[in-house]
Protein backbone atom coordinates (compact mmCIF):
# COMPACT_ATOMS: atom_id res chain seq x y z
CA MET A 1 64.74 47.88 41.03
CA ASP A 2 66.47 44.46 40.80
CA GLN A 3 63.79 43.08 42.66
CA ILE A 4 61.16 44.44 40.36
CA ASN A 5 63.10 43.14 37.25
CA GLN A 6 63.16 39.66 38.89
CA LEU A 7 59.38 39.99 39.37
CA LEU A 8 58.81 40.95 35.76
CA LYS A 9 60.90 37.95 34.60
CA LEU A 10 58.68 35.66 36.60
CA LEU A 11 55.66 37.20 35.15
CA GLU A 12 56.68 36.63 31.51
CA ASN A 13 55.56 32.94 31.66
CA ALA A 14 52.70 33.41 34.04
CA GLU A 15 49.04 33.34 33.02
CA SER A 16 48.00 34.69 36.22
CA VAL A 17 49.28 36.14 39.55
CA GLU A 18 48.07 35.97 43.05
CA ILE A 19 49.71 38.30 45.77
CA ASP A 20 49.16 37.76 49.28
CA GLU A 21 50.14 40.29 51.83
CA PHE A 22 52.29 42.42 49.35
CA ARG A 23 53.58 45.88 50.28
CA MET A 24 55.87 48.07 48.09
CA ASP A 25 57.32 51.38 48.69
CA PHE A 26 58.73 53.50 45.89
CA ASP A 27 59.17 56.98 44.51
CA GLU A 28 58.82 56.06 40.87
CA LEU A 29 57.83 52.78 39.25
CA GLU A 30 57.31 51.84 35.63
CA ILE A 31 55.91 48.31 34.64
CA ASN A 32 55.83 46.87 31.11
CA LEU A 33 53.15 44.15 30.90
CA ALA A 34 52.80 44.21 27.00
CA PRO A 35 54.61 40.98 26.30
CA ALA A 36 52.49 38.91 28.81
CA ILE A 37 49.30 40.37 27.45
CA ALA A 38 50.15 39.84 23.85
CA ARG A 39 51.18 36.30 24.51
CA THR A 40 47.73 35.80 26.38
CA ILE A 41 45.88 37.23 23.45
CA GLN A 42 47.69 34.97 21.09
CA GLN A 43 46.84 31.96 23.00
CA THR A 44 43.19 32.84 23.03
CA VAL A 45 43.09 33.50 19.25
CA ALA A 46 44.68 30.06 18.65
CA LYS A 47 42.28 28.49 20.90
CA GLN A 48 39.33 30.21 18.97
CA GLN A 49 40.76 29.15 15.76
CA LYS A 50 41.11 25.60 16.72
CA ILE A 51 37.33 25.67 17.91
CA GLU A 52 36.27 27.06 14.58
CA LYS A 53 38.14 24.59 12.53
CA SER A 54 36.59 21.80 14.64
CA MET A 55 33.13 23.24 14.00
CA GLY A 56 33.72 23.57 10.30
CA ASN A 57 34.83 19.88 10.00
CA ALA A 58 31.74 19.01 11.96
CA LEU A 59 29.41 21.04 9.63
CA LYS A 60 31.07 19.56 6.54
CA LYS A 61 30.31 16.19 7.84
CA ALA A 62 26.75 17.09 8.55
CA GLY A 63 26.35 18.49 5.09
CA GLU A 64 27.60 15.06 3.76
CA PHE A 65 25.21 12.94 5.83
CA LYS A 66 23.00 10.56 3.83
CA SER A 67 19.74 9.21 5.45
CA PRO A 68 19.89 5.53 6.09
CA ILE A 69 16.72 4.55 3.98
CA LYS A 70 16.29 0.80 3.71
CA GLN A 71 15.42 -0.49 0.30
CA TYR A 72 12.62 -3.11 0.37
CA PRO A 73 11.75 -5.69 -2.30
CA GLY A 74 8.08 -5.09 -2.05
CA ASN A 75 5.77 -2.01 -2.66
CA ILE A 76 2.23 -0.95 -1.97
CA ALA A 77 -0.29 -1.10 -4.69
CA GLN A 78 -1.88 2.01 -6.03
CA VAL A 79 -5.67 2.10 -5.75
CA GLN A 80 -8.04 4.51 -7.67
CA ILE A 81 -11.18 5.54 -5.93
CA GLY A 82 -13.53 7.53 -8.20
CA ASP A 83 -14.19 7.09 -11.84
CA GLY A 84 -16.95 7.79 -14.37
CA THR A 85 -18.46 11.26 -13.23
CA ARG A 86 -16.03 11.45 -10.28
CA LYS A 87 -12.74 13.20 -9.86
CA PRO A 88 -10.63 10.22 -8.93
CA VAL A 89 -8.22 10.15 -5.98
CA TYR A 90 -5.26 7.71 -5.69
CA LEU A 91 -3.96 5.90 -2.60
CA GLY A 92 -0.75 3.90 -1.95
CA GLY A 93 2.24 3.46 -4.31
CA GLN A 94 4.84 3.64 -1.52
CA THR A 95 8.14 1.78 -1.40
CA ALA A 96 9.43 2.88 1.88
CA LEU A 97 8.13 2.17 5.57
CA TYR A 98 7.78 5.75 6.65
CA ARG A 99 6.41 8.82 4.79
CA PHE A 100 9.31 10.99 5.35
CA GLU A 101 11.85 8.57 3.73
CA GLU A 102 10.76 9.26 0.26
CA PRO A 103 8.65 11.75 -1.66
CA GLN A 104 5.14 10.11 -1.65
CA PRO A 105 3.53 9.22 -5.01
CA ASN A 106 0.25 10.10 -3.67
CA PRO A 107 -0.88 12.37 -0.67
CA PRO A 108 -3.06 10.91 2.06
CA VAL A 109 -6.72 11.42 1.27
CA VAL A 110 -8.97 12.78 4.01
CA THR A 111 -12.72 12.26 3.56
CA PHE A 112 -15.89 13.84 5.18
CA ASP A 113 -18.34 11.73 6.88
CA VAL A 114 -21.88 12.15 5.99
CA PHE A 115 -25.02 10.26 7.34
CA ASP A 116 -28.31 9.28 5.82
CA ILE A 117 -30.21 10.36 8.87
CA PRO A 118 -29.84 13.28 11.26
CA MET A 119 -27.27 12.18 13.96
CA PRO A 120 -28.36 13.85 17.43
CA GLY A 121 -25.28 11.91 18.99
CA LEU A 122 -22.77 14.13 17.09
CA PRO A 123 -20.79 16.18 19.36
CA ARG A 124 -21.77 19.97 19.46
CA PRO A 125 -18.50 21.20 17.71
CA ILE A 126 -19.23 18.96 14.72
CA ARG A 127 -23.17 19.36 14.69
CA GLU A 128 -23.03 23.14 14.74
CA HIS A 129 -21.35 23.02 11.30
CA PHE A 130 -23.89 20.82 9.71
CA SER A 131 -27.17 21.28 11.74
CA ASP A 132 -28.79 23.23 8.72
CA VAL A 133 -28.25 20.18 6.22
CA MET A 134 -28.38 16.92 8.44
CA ASP A 135 -31.99 16.25 7.08
CA SER A 136 -30.65 15.89 3.46
CA PRO A 137 -27.47 13.66 2.77
CA GLY A 138 -27.03 15.33 -0.76
CA GLU A 139 -26.93 18.86 0.83
CA TRP A 140 -24.73 17.62 3.58
CA ALA A 141 -22.36 16.17 1.16
CA LYS A 142 -22.47 19.36 -0.95
CA LYS A 143 -21.71 21.52 2.03
CA ALA A 144 -18.65 19.21 2.89
CA VAL A 145 -17.20 19.75 -0.82
CA LYS A 146 -18.25 23.40 -1.49
CA ASP A 147 -17.67 25.01 1.91
CA TYR A 148 -15.00 22.80 3.28
CA GLY A 149 -13.09 21.72 0.32
CA ALA A 150 -13.66 17.81 0.55
CA ASN A 151 -11.98 15.85 -2.19
CA MET A 152 -13.94 12.69 -1.11
CA VAL A 153 -17.15 11.82 0.96
CA THR A 154 -18.14 8.89 3.06
CA VAL A 155 -21.85 8.10 3.14
CA HIS A 156 -22.90 6.05 6.13
CA LEU A 157 -26.09 4.32 5.74
CA ILE A 158 -26.93 4.20 9.46
CA GLY A 159 -30.70 4.30 8.78
CA THR A 160 -30.75 0.81 7.24
CA GLY A 161 -29.94 -0.75 10.57
CA PRO A 162 -32.58 -3.04 11.94
CA LYS A 163 -32.37 -1.34 15.45
CA VAL A 164 -32.37 2.29 13.92
CA GLN A 165 -34.92 2.84 11.14
CA ASP A 166 -34.60 -0.41 9.33
CA LYS A 167 -34.51 1.13 5.83
CA SER A 168 -34.52 -1.23 3.05
CA PRO A 169 -31.52 -1.63 0.88
CA LYS A 170 -33.48 0.16 -2.04
CA GLU A 171 -33.97 3.13 0.26
CA GLY A 172 -30.30 3.06 0.98
CA ALA A 173 -29.39 2.89 -2.59
CA GLN A 174 -31.56 6.01 -3.16
CA VAL A 175 -29.59 7.97 -0.76
CA ILE A 176 -26.42 7.08 -2.65
CA GLU A 177 -28.13 8.25 -5.89
CA GLU A 178 -28.92 11.52 -4.30
CA VAL A 179 -25.33 12.18 -2.99
CA LEU A 180 -23.90 11.09 -6.48
CA GLN A 181 -26.10 13.73 -8.10
CA ALA A 182 -25.13 16.34 -5.46
CA VAL A 183 -21.28 16.21 -5.72
CA ASP A 184 -18.73 14.97 -8.16
CA VAL A 185 -15.98 13.75 -5.76
CA PRO A 186 -15.53 9.91 -5.01
CA LEU A 187 -17.65 8.23 -2.51
CA ALA A 188 -17.08 5.62 0.22
CA ILE A 189 -20.26 3.77 1.08
CA GLY A 190 -20.82 2.50 4.67
CA ALA A 191 -23.89 0.46 5.93
CA SER A 192 -24.99 0.27 9.44
CA GLY A 193 -22.75 -2.52 10.93
CA ASP A 194 -25.42 -5.20 10.84
CA PRO A 195 -23.65 -8.48 9.57
CA VAL A 196 -26.89 -9.75 7.94
CA LYS A 197 -28.12 -6.69 6.30
CA ASP A 198 -24.94 -4.89 5.41
CA PRO A 199 -24.12 -7.08 2.43
CA LEU A 200 -27.45 -6.51 0.82
CA VAL A 201 -27.31 -2.76 1.42
CA LEU A 202 -23.81 -2.65 -0.10
CA GLU A 203 -24.85 -4.78 -3.07
CA ALA A 204 -27.85 -2.33 -3.80
CA ALA A 205 -25.64 0.76 -3.24
CA ALA A 206 -22.87 -0.79 -5.63
CA GLU A 207 -25.54 -1.28 -8.42
CA VAL A 208 -26.81 2.22 -8.50
CA SER A 209 -23.37 3.62 -8.63
CA GLU A 210 -22.00 1.43 -11.35
CA GLY A 211 -18.90 2.70 -13.11
CA GLU A 212 -18.37 5.37 -10.32
CA ARG A 213 -15.58 3.33 -8.58
CA CYS A 214 -16.87 3.87 -5.16
CA LEU A 215 -15.35 2.30 -1.91
CA LEU A 216 -17.61 -0.26 -0.34
CA ALA A 217 -17.17 -0.09 3.38
CA SER A 218 -16.82 -2.87 4.53
CA ALA A 219 -16.13 -6.54 4.10
CA ASN A 220 -15.21 -8.54 7.30
CA MET A 221 -14.99 -11.99 8.47
CA ASP A 222 -18.37 -11.67 10.37
CA LEU A 223 -20.52 -11.20 7.27
CA ASP A 224 -20.98 -12.44 3.77
CA TYR A 225 -17.84 -10.86 2.31
CA GLY A 226 -18.16 -12.90 -0.76
CA LYS A 227 -21.29 -10.97 -1.78
CA ILE A 228 -19.70 -7.63 -1.36
CA ALA A 229 -16.66 -8.82 -3.45
CA LYS A 230 -18.92 -9.96 -6.15
CA ALA A 231 -20.85 -6.55 -6.32
CA ALA A 232 -17.51 -4.74 -6.43
CA VAL A 233 -16.44 -6.75 -9.30
CA ASP A 234 -19.77 -6.73 -11.04
CA TYR A 235 -20.23 -2.90 -10.91
CA GLY A 236 -16.48 -1.74 -10.93
CA HIS A 237 -15.76 -0.81 -7.15
CA VAL A 238 -13.20 -0.96 -4.50
CA VAL A 239 -13.73 -2.92 -1.39
CA LEU A 240 -12.54 -1.86 2.25
CA SER A 241 -11.27 -5.00 3.90
CA TRP A 242 -11.77 -4.59 7.80
CA ALA A 243 -9.86 -6.69 10.30
CA ILE A 244 -9.74 -5.94 14.02
CA THR A 245 -6.13 -5.25 14.91
CA ASP A 246 -5.00 -8.74 13.68
CA VAL A 247 -2.44 -8.88 10.94
CA ASN A 248 -3.09 -12.59 10.33
CA MET A 249 -6.90 -11.95 10.08
CA GLN A 250 -6.16 -9.11 7.59
CA LYS A 251 -3.95 -11.44 5.40
CA SER A 252 -6.71 -13.98 5.48
CA LEU A 253 -9.44 -11.66 4.53
CA ASN A 254 -7.57 -10.03 1.82
CA ARG A 255 -6.64 -13.60 0.30
CA TYR A 256 -10.32 -14.59 0.38
CA LEU A 257 -11.48 -11.29 -1.27
CA MET A 258 -8.78 -11.79 -4.00
CA LYS A 259 -9.97 -15.50 -4.59
CA ASP A 260 -13.46 -13.84 -5.15
CA GLY A 261 -12.13 -11.83 -8.00
CA LEU A 262 -10.66 -8.69 -6.64
CA LYS A 263 -7.08 -7.63 -7.31
CA LYS A 264 -4.66 -5.82 -5.02
CA GLU A 265 -5.54 -2.55 -6.75
CA ASP A 266 -9.26 -3.00 -5.78
CA ILE A 267 -8.62 -3.24 -1.88
CA VAL A 268 -8.06 -0.93 0.87
CA MET A 269 -7.25 -2.30 4.32
CA ASP A 270 -8.69 -1.00 7.66
CA PRO A 271 -6.74 -2.48 10.54
CA THR A 272 -9.01 -0.61 12.90
CA THR A 273 -8.38 2.76 14.67
CA CYS A 274 -7.82 2.88 18.27
CA ALA A 275 -8.11 6.63 19.36
CA LEU A 276 -5.50 8.62 21.02
CA GLY A 277 -5.44 7.77 24.81
CA TYR A 278 -7.55 4.73 24.04
CA GLY A 279 -5.19 2.06 22.68
CA ILE A 280 -3.69 3.94 19.80
CA GLU A 281 -0.36 2.02 20.33
CA PHE A 282 -2.24 -1.26 19.23
CA SER A 283 -3.09 0.47 15.91
CA ILE A 284 0.53 1.69 15.57
CA ASP A 285 1.96 -1.79 16.17
CA VAL A 286 -0.63 -3.40 13.72
CA ILE A 287 -0.20 -0.77 10.97
CA THR A 288 3.56 -0.83 11.22
CA ARG A 289 3.65 -4.71 11.20
CA THR A 290 1.34 -4.77 8.19
CA ARG A 291 3.30 -2.27 6.18
CA LEU A 292 6.49 -3.88 6.94
CA GLY A 293 5.15 -7.31 5.73
CA ALA A 294 3.95 -5.66 2.66
CA LEU A 295 7.41 -4.08 1.85
CA LYS A 296 9.12 -7.39 2.51
CA GLY A 297 7.05 -8.92 -0.25
CA ASP A 298 3.77 -10.44 1.27
CA PRO A 299 1.30 -9.99 -1.64
CA ASP A 300 -1.43 -10.44 0.84
CA LEU A 301 -0.72 -7.25 2.57
CA GLN A 302 0.43 -4.86 -0.24
CA MET A 303 -2.71 -2.61 -0.16
CA PRO A 304 -3.03 1.01 1.07
CA MET A 305 -4.74 1.50 4.40
CA SER A 306 -7.62 3.50 5.85
CA SER A 307 -8.37 4.83 9.31
CA GLY A 308 -11.85 5.50 10.77
CA THR A 309 -10.24 8.57 12.45
CA THR A 310 -13.78 9.64 13.75
CA ASN A 311 -13.18 7.12 16.51
CA ALA A 312 -11.32 9.81 18.19
CA TRP A 313 -14.67 11.55 19.10
CA GLY A 314 -15.44 8.43 21.17
CA SER A 315 -12.89 9.55 23.67
CA ARG A 316 -14.28 11.45 26.51
CA GLU A 317 -11.33 13.70 26.47
CA ALA A 318 -12.49 15.01 23.05
CA TRP A 319 -16.10 15.94 23.86
CA MET A 320 -16.77 15.85 27.62
CA ARG A 321 -17.18 19.37 29.17
CA LYS A 322 -14.58 19.89 31.96
CA ASP A 323 -13.13 23.26 32.58
CA GLU A 324 -9.56 22.07 33.49
CA TRP A 325 -9.34 20.13 30.17
CA GLY A 326 -10.03 23.31 28.07
CA PRO A 327 -12.86 24.18 25.66
CA THR A 328 -14.11 21.24 23.47
CA ASP A 329 -14.21 23.64 20.38
CA TYR A 330 -10.54 23.13 20.29
CA ARG A 331 -9.89 19.96 22.39
CA GLY A 332 -12.10 17.85 20.06
CA PRO A 333 -10.55 18.56 16.66
CA LEU A 334 -7.07 18.35 18.33
CA TRP A 335 -7.89 14.88 19.49
CA GLU A 336 -9.16 13.97 16.04
CA ILE A 337 -6.13 15.63 14.35
CA PHE A 338 -3.49 13.93 16.58
CA THR A 339 -5.18 10.47 16.19
CA GLY A 340 -5.01 10.81 12.46
CA LEU A 341 -1.51 12.35 12.23
CA THR A 342 -0.12 9.45 14.49
CA LEU A 343 -1.47 6.92 12.07
CA MET A 344 -0.44 8.88 8.98
CA LEU A 345 3.17 8.89 10.16
CA ASN A 346 2.82 5.13 10.32
CA GLY A 347 1.61 4.50 6.69
CA VAL A 348 -2.06 5.11 6.69
CA ASP A 349 -3.53 6.52 3.45
CA LEU A 350 -7.14 7.49 3.88
CA PHE A 351 -8.83 9.11 6.72
CA MET A 352 -12.49 9.19 7.60
CA MET A 353 -13.11 12.36 9.72
CA LEU A 354 -15.87 14.53 10.96
CA HIS A 355 -14.60 18.03 11.95
CA PRO A 356 -13.90 20.70 9.21
CA ASP A 357 -10.82 21.95 10.93
CA SER A 358 -9.49 18.52 11.53
CA VAL A 359 -10.04 17.59 7.81
CA ARG A 360 -8.28 20.87 6.58
CA ILE A 361 -5.25 20.46 8.90
CA LEU A 362 -4.54 16.83 8.31
CA ARG A 363 -4.94 17.27 4.72
CA GLU A 364 -2.46 20.07 4.75
CA ILE A 365 -0.11 18.09 6.64
CA GLY A 366 -0.31 15.06 4.33
CA GLU A 367 0.35 17.26 1.22
CA THR A 368 3.82 18.09 2.59
CA PHE A 369 4.79 14.36 2.29
CA THR A 370 4.90 14.59 -1.43
CA LYS A 371 8.06 16.81 -1.35
CA ASN A 372 11.45 15.16 -1.11
CA TYR A 373 13.08 16.90 1.83
CA LEU A 374 15.83 14.49 2.24
CA SER A 375 17.26 15.07 -1.33
CA GLU A 376 17.45 18.84 -0.84
CA PRO A 377 20.92 20.28 -0.03
CA CYS A 378 21.70 20.75 3.59
CA PRO A 379 21.06 24.19 4.65
CA ASP A 380 23.69 26.61 5.74
CA ILE A 381 23.78 25.61 9.40
CA GLU A 382 26.52 27.92 10.18
CA ASN A 383 24.52 31.09 9.46
CA TRP A 384 21.01 29.90 10.63
CA ILE A 385 20.74 32.72 13.21
CA THR A 386 21.35 35.17 10.53
CA GLU A 387 18.98 33.67 8.14
CA LEU A 388 16.13 33.71 10.81
CA GLU A 389 16.70 37.33 11.55
C-alpha cells in the first residue's frame, strides 16, 4: 500500500503517465485521481480564457481600424452630359484615387452603342438582341432605352466613312435628329474614324443637336480638333478627348481644347481601352497615372474618363467558337464586363458597351460605389457565423 501511495504522490504533479512492462497483484485497490483531473481541467480553462482575451483584444483593435485614405490637393471636374430635352447624367467629381475610398458623388455611367447602319460584323450574342431594329437607328436606340434601361446612348455614324457608305455630314446629322426624337436620354455622337471627314460630320451633328449637350466623340491629334472644339462651344456640347495610351499626349490635347474655348467641365478623356488579355495592363497604368496627376493638382488632367469597353469584343476569346472555352453566350458578356470592371476600379467614369447583360451588370456594380462602406461601423466579427446562419 505504501508503494501505491508513493505512486499517487508522483501522479499529483504529472500531466501524463507512461507505464512500460508494469504488473501489479492485489486483492483490493482504490485510486483517487480527482485532484489531478481537476488540476488539468483548471489549466485547460485558464488557457482557453487567455486565448479568448487575446481574440477579444484583436477584435477590438479591428473595430478601431481606420482606412489609410490619402488626401489630395486636386479633384476631378464634374461634367454634365445631356440638357434641353435630355435627362442629364453626371460624370466625375472624385477627390480620391480609388472608388472604394470615398462615396462617389456620381455613379459610373454605362452607355449602349447604336450604329447608323446594320452591322453584320457584330458577334451573334449581341446581334440576336437587336437584329429586328438594326435598319433603324431610332428604333435601335429606343429598344436600348425601353427594353434594357439605357440611361445614355452612343450613336456611331459609321456610314459616313469614305470606305463604308460615304454618307454626307448632312445625312449623318439626319440620323442624329432621328435618334433625338426617339429617346430622351443623353447622346454620345461618334463618327467613322476618318481624320478628314470626322470633324465635318461632328460639326453637322452638333448643329442639329444644339442645346442638348451631347458628347462629341472624338477629338484627337490626327484631325482638326479645333473645328470639333468650336462646334462644341457654339452649340453647347461636350468633347471626348482621345489619346492613345499616352499621358503626355492627353495633357497636350486637353490643353489645346481648353485654349479653343472649352473648360474642364466640357471635356471627357478617353485614354484608350486595351481589352482584357490584350494589353489591359497598359490601360490600367495610363488611367492610374492620369488620375494621380489630376488629384495631385495638374489642371490639364482633371477631367472624368471614358472607356470604349466594346473593344473587349475584338478579343477572340470573347466571340470565337471553341468548346473548351465554353459557350460564347456567356463568355462574350463576361469578357466585356471584366474589361469594364477592371477600368472602373481604376477610375473610369463612362463605359461604351454592347451586350445588354454587360450593360446591366456593370451599371449595378457601379451604383454600389455611391455608398460609403468605410464609414459604416465594423460588423460584429465575433458572431459572424451565427449571423450567416
